[in-house]
Amino acid sequence: MSADELLAVSPETVAVRAGLKLPLTEEQRETVAEAIGDAFGDVAAYLGRPPLPVTLVQRGAHGNGRGGWQLAHDPVIEVLSTAAETGVNGELTGLYTITYRAGLNPAENPVYGKALGRYISACAAAHPMVRRVVQSDAPDARLIKQANVEGQGVTWEDVSGGAAGSGAAGAPPSLDSLTRWRRRGVNQQPGIAPHPLEITWRWPWP
């Protein structure tokens, strides 16, 4: 099941939340999809783990002495394959290349899924790129942020946004709603696994 099916997050749903008219042009859809990808990246960095199940390939892995493996990402869903690594002369090194699936799973935790979906939708809709698209789609439609009782003083929304969680128009929401799923107190021994930046993955995940 895809990410948008699990979380009810898609370029169209985010576009409606942001105030864009449907159907989207291809360019608008790509912009909104990029904003969704950025939101998932922010969540992954904050949680310290993949926010959705993802397939990873890790080289230089050791066994953990209990019939499993010391892997860089958790929770591990399943190990798909293992391959012994060899040195320059073909000798076994004692290390393995492991292909596995890991990450939090909204399908198994609906509470997490709803919290993640709400954050991704709100953050993507508030993304500066998306807000610029909204502004260009209706250049004469300026959104009022605040007006006094007499209507004499008006403050307009700023498409540049503000600090996360500030509540300002265009500001991305806070990540605090996902704190309970944040990875804590995990130390990785040097040489056990590659740096997380060496493992690539992107939204959407299968």
C-alpha atoms as a PDB file:
ATOM      1  CA  MET A   1       0.000   0.000   0.000  1.00  0.00           C
ATOM      2  CA  SER A   2       1.380   3.413  -0.961  1.00  0.00           C
ATOM      3  CA  ALA A   3       1.993   6.331   1.380  1.00  0.00           C
ATOM      4  CA  ASP A   4      -0.974   8.352   0.135  1.00  0.00           C
ATOM      5  CA  GLU A   5      -3.313   5.377   0.602  1.00  0.00           C
ATOM      6  CA  LEU A   6      -2.060   4.816   4.158  1.00  0.00           C
ATOM      7  CA  LEU A   7      -2.198   8.454   5.202  1.00  0.00           C
ATOM      8  CA  ALA A   8      -4.777   9.990   2.843  1.00  0.00           C
ATOM      9  CA  VAL A   9      -2.008  12.355   1.703  1.00  0.00           C
ATOM     10  CA  SER A  10      -1.662  13.112  -1.996  1.00  0.00           C
ATOM     11  CA  PRO A  11      -0.809  16.182  -4.084  1.00  0.00           C
ATOM     12  CA  GLU A  12      -4.543  16.691  -4.661  1.00  0.00           C
ATOM     13  CA  THR A  13      -5.540  16.549  -0.986  1.00  0.00           C
ATOM     14  CA  VAL A  14      -2.692  18.884  -0.019  1.00  0.00           C
ATOM     15  CA  ALA A  15      -3.560  21.244  -2.879  1.00  0.00           C
ATOM     16  CA  VAL A  16      -7.176  21.511  -1.705  1.00  0.00           C
ATOM     17  CA  ARG A  17      -5.971  22.235   1.827  1.00  0.00           C
ATOM     18  CA  ALA A  18      -3.643  24.937   0.478  1.00  0.00           C
ATOM     19  CA  GLY A  19      -6.422  26.566  -1.547  1.00  0.00           C
ATOM     20  CA  LEU A  20      -5.474  25.455  -5.047  1.00  0.00           C
ATOM     21  CA  LYS A  21      -8.139  24.652  -7.596  1.00  0.00           C
ATOM     22  CA  LEU A  22      -8.380  21.171  -9.091  1.00  0.00           C
ATOM     23  CA  PRO A  23      -7.398  19.670 -11.434  1.00  0.00           C
ATOM     24  CA  LEU A  24      -3.747  20.519 -10.922  1.00  0.00           C
ATOM     25  CA  THR A  25      -1.438  21.242 -13.798  1.00  0.00           C
ATOM     26  CA  GLU A  26       1.552  18.906 -14.112  1.00  0.00           C
ATOM     27  CA  GLU A  27       3.834  21.662 -12.837  1.00  0.00           C
ATOM     28  CA  GLN A  28       1.601  22.342  -9.833  1.00  0.00           C
ATOM     29  CA  ARG A  29       1.404  18.642  -9.037  1.00  0.00           C
ATOM     30  CA  GLU A  30       5.191  18.295  -9.134  1.00  0.00           C
ATOM     31  CA  THR A  31       5.581  21.294  -6.827  1.00  0.00           C
ATOM     32  CA  VAL A  32       3.113  19.936  -4.276  1.00  0.00           C
ATOM     33  CA  ALA A  33       4.694  16.466  -4.479  1.00  0.00           C
ATOM     34  CA  GLU A  34       8.106  18.018  -3.782  1.00  0.00           C
ATOM     35  CA  ALA A  35       6.660  19.809  -0.749  1.00  0.00           C
ATOM     36  CA  ILE A  36       5.267  16.488   0.509  1.00  0.00           C
ATOM     37  CA  GLY A  37       8.691  14.910   0.040  1.00  0.00           C
ATOM     38  CA  ASP A  38      10.303  17.733   2.013  1.00  0.00           C
ATOM     39  CA  ALA A  39       7.795  17.192   4.834  1.00  0.00           C
ATOM     40  CA  PHE A  40       8.614  13.471   4.959  1.00  0.00           C
ATOM     41  CA  GLY A  41      12.321  14.348   5.040  1.00  0.00           C
ATOM     42  CA  ASP A  42      11.766  16.672   7.999  1.00  0.00           C
ATOM     43  CA  VAL A  43       9.870  13.934   9.836  1.00  0.00           C
ATOM     44  CA  ALA A  44      12.584  11.339   9.154  1.00  0.00           C
ATOM     45  CA  ALA A  45      15.286  13.668  10.481  1.00  0.00           C
ATOM     46  CA  TYR A  46      13.228  14.488  13.579  1.00  0.00           C
ATOM     47  CA  LEU A  47      12.256  10.888  14.386  1.00  0.00           C
ATOM     48  CA  GLY A  48      15.701   9.467  13.612  1.00  0.00           C
ATOM     49  CA  ARG A  49      14.083   6.610  11.703  1.00  0.00           C
ATOM     50  CA  PRO A  50      12.107   6.066   8.496  1.00  0.00           C
ATOM     51  CA  PRO A  51       8.556   7.392   9.021  1.00  0.00           C
ATOM     52  CA  LEU A  52       7.190   4.707   6.662  1.00  0.00           C
ATOM     53  CA  PRO A  53       8.353   1.173   5.795  1.00  0.00           C
ATOM     54  CA  VAL A  54      11.269   1.374   3.367  1.00  0.00           C
ATOM     55  CA  THR A  55      13.707  -1.091   1.804  1.00  0.00           C
ATOM     56  CA  LEU A  56      17.337  -0.453   2.807  1.00  0.00           C
ATOM     57  CA  VAL A  57      20.673  -1.957   1.812  1.00  0.00           C
ATOM     58  CA  GLN A  58      23.361  -1.930   4.484  1.00  0.00           C
ATOM     59  CA  ARG A  59      26.953  -2.978   3.885  1.00  0.00           C
ATOM     60  CA  GLY A  60      29.474  -3.987   6.508  1.00  0.00           C
ATOM     61  CA  ALA A  61      26.879  -5.428   8.893  1.00  0.00           C
ATOM     62  CA  HIS A  62      27.787  -7.676  11.835  1.00  0.00           C
ATOM     63  CA  GLY A  63      25.708 -10.379  13.471  1.00  0.00           C
ATOM     64  CA  ASN A  64      24.393  -9.400  16.907  1.00  0.00           C
ATOM     65  CA  GLY A  65      25.232 -12.750  18.518  1.00  0.00           C
ATOM     66  CA  ARG A  66      21.561 -13.626  18.903  1.00  0.00           C
ATOM     67  CA  GLY A  67      20.851 -14.805  15.375  1.00  0.00           C
ATOM     68  CA  GLY A  68      20.089 -11.291  14.132  1.00  0.00           C
ATOM     69  CA  TRP A  69      21.955  -8.322  12.747  1.00  0.00           C
ATOM     70  CA  GLN A  70      23.223  -4.975  13.983  1.00  0.00           C
ATOM     71  CA  LEU A  71      21.365  -2.657  11.635  1.00  0.00           C
ATOM     72  CA  ALA A  72      21.289   1.126  11.363  1.00  0.00           C
ATOM     73  CA  HIS A  73      17.532   1.637  11.200  1.00  0.00           C
ATOM     74  CA  ASP A  74      14.636   0.415  13.303  1.00  0.00           C
ATOM     75  CA  PRO A  75      12.113  -0.958  13.808  1.00  0.00           C
ATOM     76  CA  VAL A  76      13.180  -3.777  11.493  1.00  0.00           C
ATOM     77  CA  ILE A  77      10.206  -5.332   9.725  1.00  0.00           C
ATOM     78  CA  GLU A  78      11.982  -8.143   7.877  1.00  0.00           C
ATOM     79  CA  VAL A  79      15.359  -9.148   6.501  1.00  0.00           C
ATOM     80  CA  LEU A  80      15.005  -9.766   2.775  1.00  0.00           C
ATOM     81  CA  SER A  81      18.461 -11.091   1.917  1.00  0.00           C
ATOM     82  CA  THR A  82      21.986 -11.501   3.274  1.00  0.00           C
ATOM     83  CA  ALA A  83      25.240 -11.791   1.343  1.00  0.00           C
ATOM     84  CA  ALA A  84      28.682 -12.490   2.784  1.00  0.00           C
ATOM     85  CA  GLU A  85      31.249  -9.853   1.835  1.00  0.00           C
ATOM     86  CA  THR A  86      34.691 -10.713   0.496  1.00  0.00           C
ATOM     87  CA  GLY A  87      37.988  -8.839   0.426  1.00  0.00           C
ATOM     88  CA  VAL A  88      40.234  -7.975  -2.492  1.00  0.00           C
ATOM     89  CA  ASN A  89      41.596 -11.525  -2.657  1.00  0.00           C
ATOM     90  CA  GLY A  90      38.192 -13.128  -2.345  1.00  0.00           C
ATOM     91  CA  GLU A  91      38.532 -14.047   1.319  1.00  0.00           C
ATOM     92  CA  LEU A  92      35.530 -13.729   3.610  1.00  0.00           C
ATOM     93  CA  THR A  93      35.635 -10.617   5.774  1.00  0.00           C
ATOM     94  CA  GLY A  94      33.075 -11.677   8.352  1.00  0.00           C
ATOM     95  CA  LEU A  95      30.838  -8.790   7.285  1.00  0.00           C
ATOM     96  CA  TYR A  96      27.581  -8.964   5.372  1.00  0.00           C
ATOM     97  CA  THR A  97      25.475  -6.905   3.007  1.00  0.00           C
ATOM     98  CA  ILE A  98      21.918  -6.940   4.327  1.00  0.00           C
ATOM     99  CA  THR A  99      18.790  -5.946   2.424  1.00  0.00           C
ATOM    100  CA  TYR A 100      15.936  -5.314   4.823  1.00  0.00           C
ATOM    101  CA  ARG A 101      12.735  -3.401   5.406  1.00  0.00           C
ATOM    102  CA  ALA A 102      12.458  -1.049   8.357  1.00  0.00           C
ATOM    103  CA  GLY A 103      10.444   1.907   9.555  1.00  0.00           C
ATOM    104  CA  LEU A 104       7.333   2.893  11.432  1.00  0.00           C
ATOM    105  CA  ASN A 105       4.160   1.435   9.969  1.00  0.00           C
ATOM    106  CA  PRO A 106       0.945   3.504   9.983  1.00  0.00           C
ATOM    107  CA  ALA A 107      -1.016   0.448   8.845  1.00  0.00           C
ATOM    108  CA  GLU A 108      -0.192  -1.254  12.159  1.00  0.00           C
ATOM    109  CA  ASN A 109      -0.492   1.881  14.302  1.00  0.00           C
ATOM    110  CA  PRO A 110      -3.488   4.017  13.251  1.00  0.00           C
ATOM    111  CA  VAL A 111      -2.800   6.607  15.975  1.00  0.00           C
ATOM    112  CA  TYR A 112       0.651   7.224  14.532  1.00  0.00           C
ATOM    113  CA  GLY A 113      -0.765   7.163  11.001  1.00  0.00           C
ATOM    114  CA  LYS A 114      -3.304   9.888  11.769  1.00  0.00           C
ATOM    115  CA  ALA A 115      -0.706  12.070  13.504  1.00  0.00           C
ATOM    116  CA  LEU A 116       1.745  11.634  10.629  1.00  0.00           C
ATOM    117  CA  GLY A 117      -0.894  12.308   7.994  1.00  0.00           C
ATOM    118  CA  ARG A 118      -2.045  15.498   9.724  1.00  0.00           C
ATOM    119  CA  TYR A 119       1.513  16.794   9.990  1.00  0.00           C
ATOM    120  CA  ILE A 120       2.508  15.958   6.409  1.00  0.00           C
ATOM    121  CA  SER A 121      -0.648  17.538   4.969  1.00  0.00           C
ATOM    122  CA  ALA A 122      -0.357  20.724   7.017  1.00  0.00           C
ATOM    123  CA  CYS A 123       3.394  21.102   6.519  1.00  0.00           C
ATOM    124  CA  ALA A 124       3.212  20.541   2.756  1.00  0.00           C
ATOM    125  CA  ALA A 125       0.277  22.948   2.383  1.00  0.00           C
ATOM    126  CA  ALA A 126       2.250  25.602   4.295  1.00  0.00           C
ATOM    127  CA  HIS A 127       5.425  25.060   2.261  1.00  0.00           C
ATOM    128  CA  PRO A 128       6.667  28.329   0.695  1.00  0.00           C
ATOM    129  CA  MET A 129       6.746  26.735  -2.781  1.00  0.00           C
ATOM    130  CA  VAL A 130       3.093  25.726  -2.507  1.00  0.00           C
ATOM    131  CA  ARG A 131       2.064  29.116  -1.152  1.00  0.00           C
ATOM    132  CA  ARG A 132       3.753  30.799  -4.097  1.00  0.00           C
ATOM    133  CA  VAL A 133       1.795  28.541  -6.449  1.00  0.00           C
ATOM    134  CA  VAL A 134      -1.428  29.512  -4.662  1.00  0.00           C
ATOM    135  CA  GLN A 135      -0.521  33.186  -4.995  1.00  0.00           C
ATOM    136  CA  SER A 136       0.333  32.868  -8.698  1.00  0.00           C
ATOM    137  CA  ASP A 137      -2.828  30.866  -9.358  1.00  0.00           C
ATOM    138  CA  ALA A 138      -4.913  33.785  -8.086  1.00  0.00           C
ATOM    139  CA  PRO A 139      -2.595  36.825  -8.020  1.00  0.00           C
ATOM    140  CA  ASP A 140      -5.391  39.233  -7.128  1.00  0.00           C
ATOM    141  CA  ALA A 141      -6.674  37.110  -4.274  1.00  0.00           C
ATOM    142  CA  ARG A 142      -4.824  38.413  -1.219  1.00  0.00           C
ATOM    143  CA  LEU A 143      -5.640  36.516   1.955  1.00  0.00           C
ATOM    144  CA  ILE A 144      -6.391  38.541   5.079  1.00  0.00           C
ATOM    145  CA  LYS A 145      -4.405  37.513   8.139  1.00  0.00           C
ATOM    146  CA  GLN A 146      -5.934  40.031  10.566  1.00  0.00           C
ATOM    147  CA  ALA A 147      -8.342  42.996  10.474  1.00  0.00           C
ATOM    148  CA  ASN A 148      -9.571  45.353  13.174  1.00  0.00           C
ATOM    149  CA  VAL A 149     -13.248  45.764  14.014  1.00  0.00           C
ATOM    150  CA  GLU A 150     -13.742  48.788  11.775  1.00  0.00           C
ATOM    151  CA  GLY A 151     -11.910  47.152   8.887  1.00  0.00           C
ATOM    152  CA  GLN A 152      -9.566  50.111   8.618  1.00  0.00           C
ATOM    153  CA  GLY A 153      -6.403  48.186   9.462  1.00  0.00           C
ATOM    154  CA  VAL A 154      -5.677  45.002   7.518  1.00  0.00           C
ATOM    155  CA  THR A 155      -2.689  42.657   7.693  1.00  0.00           C
ATOM    156  CA  TRP A 156      -2.144  40.390   4.704  1.00  0.00           C
ATOM    157  CA  GLU A 157      -0.682  36.903   4.743  1.00  0.00           C
ATOM    158  CA  ASP A 158       3.028  36.623   4.005  1.00  0.00           C
ATOM    159  CA  VAL A 159       3.812  33.787   1.581  1.00  0.00           C
ATOM    160  CA  SER A 160       7.325  33.592   2.976  1.00  0.00           C
ATOM    161  CA  GLY A 161       5.991  31.845   6.095  1.00  0.00           C
ATOM    162  CA  GLY A 162       7.371  31.991   9.618  1.00  0.00           C
ATOM    163  CA  ALA A 163       8.944  29.913  12.339  1.00  0.00           C
ATOM    164  CA  ALA A 164       7.670  26.361  12.731  1.00  0.00           C
ATOM    165  CA  GLY A 165       4.872  26.130  15.242  1.00  0.00           C
ATOM    166  CA  SER A 166       4.553  29.918  15.519  1.00  0.00           C
ATOM    167  CA  GLY A 167       0.986  29.931  14.214  1.00  0.00           C
ATOM    168  CA  ALA A 168       1.838  32.661  11.725  1.00  0.00           C
ATOM    169  CA  ALA A 169       0.265  32.468   8.286  1.00  0.00           C
ATOM    170  CA  GLY A 170       2.439  30.295   6.068  1.00  0.00           C
ATOM    171  CA  ALA A 171       4.420  28.906   8.996  1.00  0.00           C
ATOM    172  CA  PRO A 172       4.947  25.122   9.014  1.00  0.00           C
ATOM    173  CA  PRO A 173       3.378  23.220  11.928  1.00  0.00           C
ATOM    174  CA  SER A 174       5.410  21.938  14.848  1.00  0.00           C
ATOM    175  CA  LEU A 175       6.797  18.402  14.951  1.00  0.00           C
ATOM    176  CA  ASP A 176       5.819  18.063  18.614  1.00  0.00           C
ATOM    177  CA  SER A 177       2.778  15.965  17.686  1.00  0.00           C
ATOM    178  CA  LEU A 178       5.186  13.183  16.643  1.00  0.00           C
ATOM    179  CA  THR A 179       7.443  13.304  19.720  1.00  0.00           C
ATOM    180  CA  ARG A 180       6.212  10.010  21.176  1.00  0.00           C
ATOM    181  CA  TRP A 181       7.591   8.117  18.155  1.00  0.00           C
ATOM    182  CA  ARG A 182      10.989   9.799  18.197  1.00  0.00           C
ATOM    183  CA  ARG A 183      14.017   7.531  18.459  1.00  0.00           C
ATOM    184  CA  ARG A 184      15.773   8.137  21.771  1.00  0.00           C
ATOM    185  CA  GLY A 185      18.970   7.030  23.488  1.00  0.00           C
ATOM    186  CA  VAL A 186      20.345   4.884  20.681  1.00  0.00           C
ATOM    187  CA  ASN A 187      24.107   4.768  20.254  1.00  0.00           C
ATOM    188  CA  GLN A 188      25.733   3.197  17.215  1.00  0.00           C
ATOM    189  CA  GLN A 189      29.187   1.697  17.566  1.00  0.00           C
ATOM    190  CA  PRO A 190      31.689   2.926  14.979  1.00  0.00           C
ATOM    191  CA  GLY A 191      32.207   0.525  12.094  1.00  0.00           C
ATOM    192  CA  ILE A 192      28.992  -1.371  12.700  1.00  0.00           C
ATOM    193  CA  ALA A 193      26.993   0.203   9.894  1.00  0.00           C
ATOM    194  CA  PRO A 194      27.249   2.998   7.357  1.00  0.00           C
ATOM    195  CA  HIS A 195      26.356   6.559   8.256  1.00  0.00           C
ATOM    196  CA  PRO A 196      22.604   7.133   7.642  1.00  0.00           C
ATOM    197  CA  LEU A 197      23.455   9.565   4.840  1.00  0.00           C
ATOM    198  CA  GLU A 198      24.998   6.650   2.929  1.00  0.00           C
ATOM    199  CA  ILE A 199      21.608   4.939   2.809  1.00  0.00           C
ATOM    200  CA  THR A 200      19.226   6.611   0.399  1.00  0.00           C
ATOM    201  CA  TRP A 201      15.442   6.479   0.351  1.00  0.00           C
ATOM    202  CA  ARG A 202      12.677   8.824  -0.716  1.00  0.00           C
ATOM    203  CA  TRP A 203       8.931   9.286  -0.535  1.00  0.00           C
ATOM    204  CA  PRO A 204       6.683   7.617  -1.570  1.00  0.00           C
ATOM    205  CA  TRP A 205       7.688   4.186  -0.317  1.00  0.00           C
ATOM    206  CA  PRO A 206       6.021   0.997  -1.500  1.00  0.00           C
END
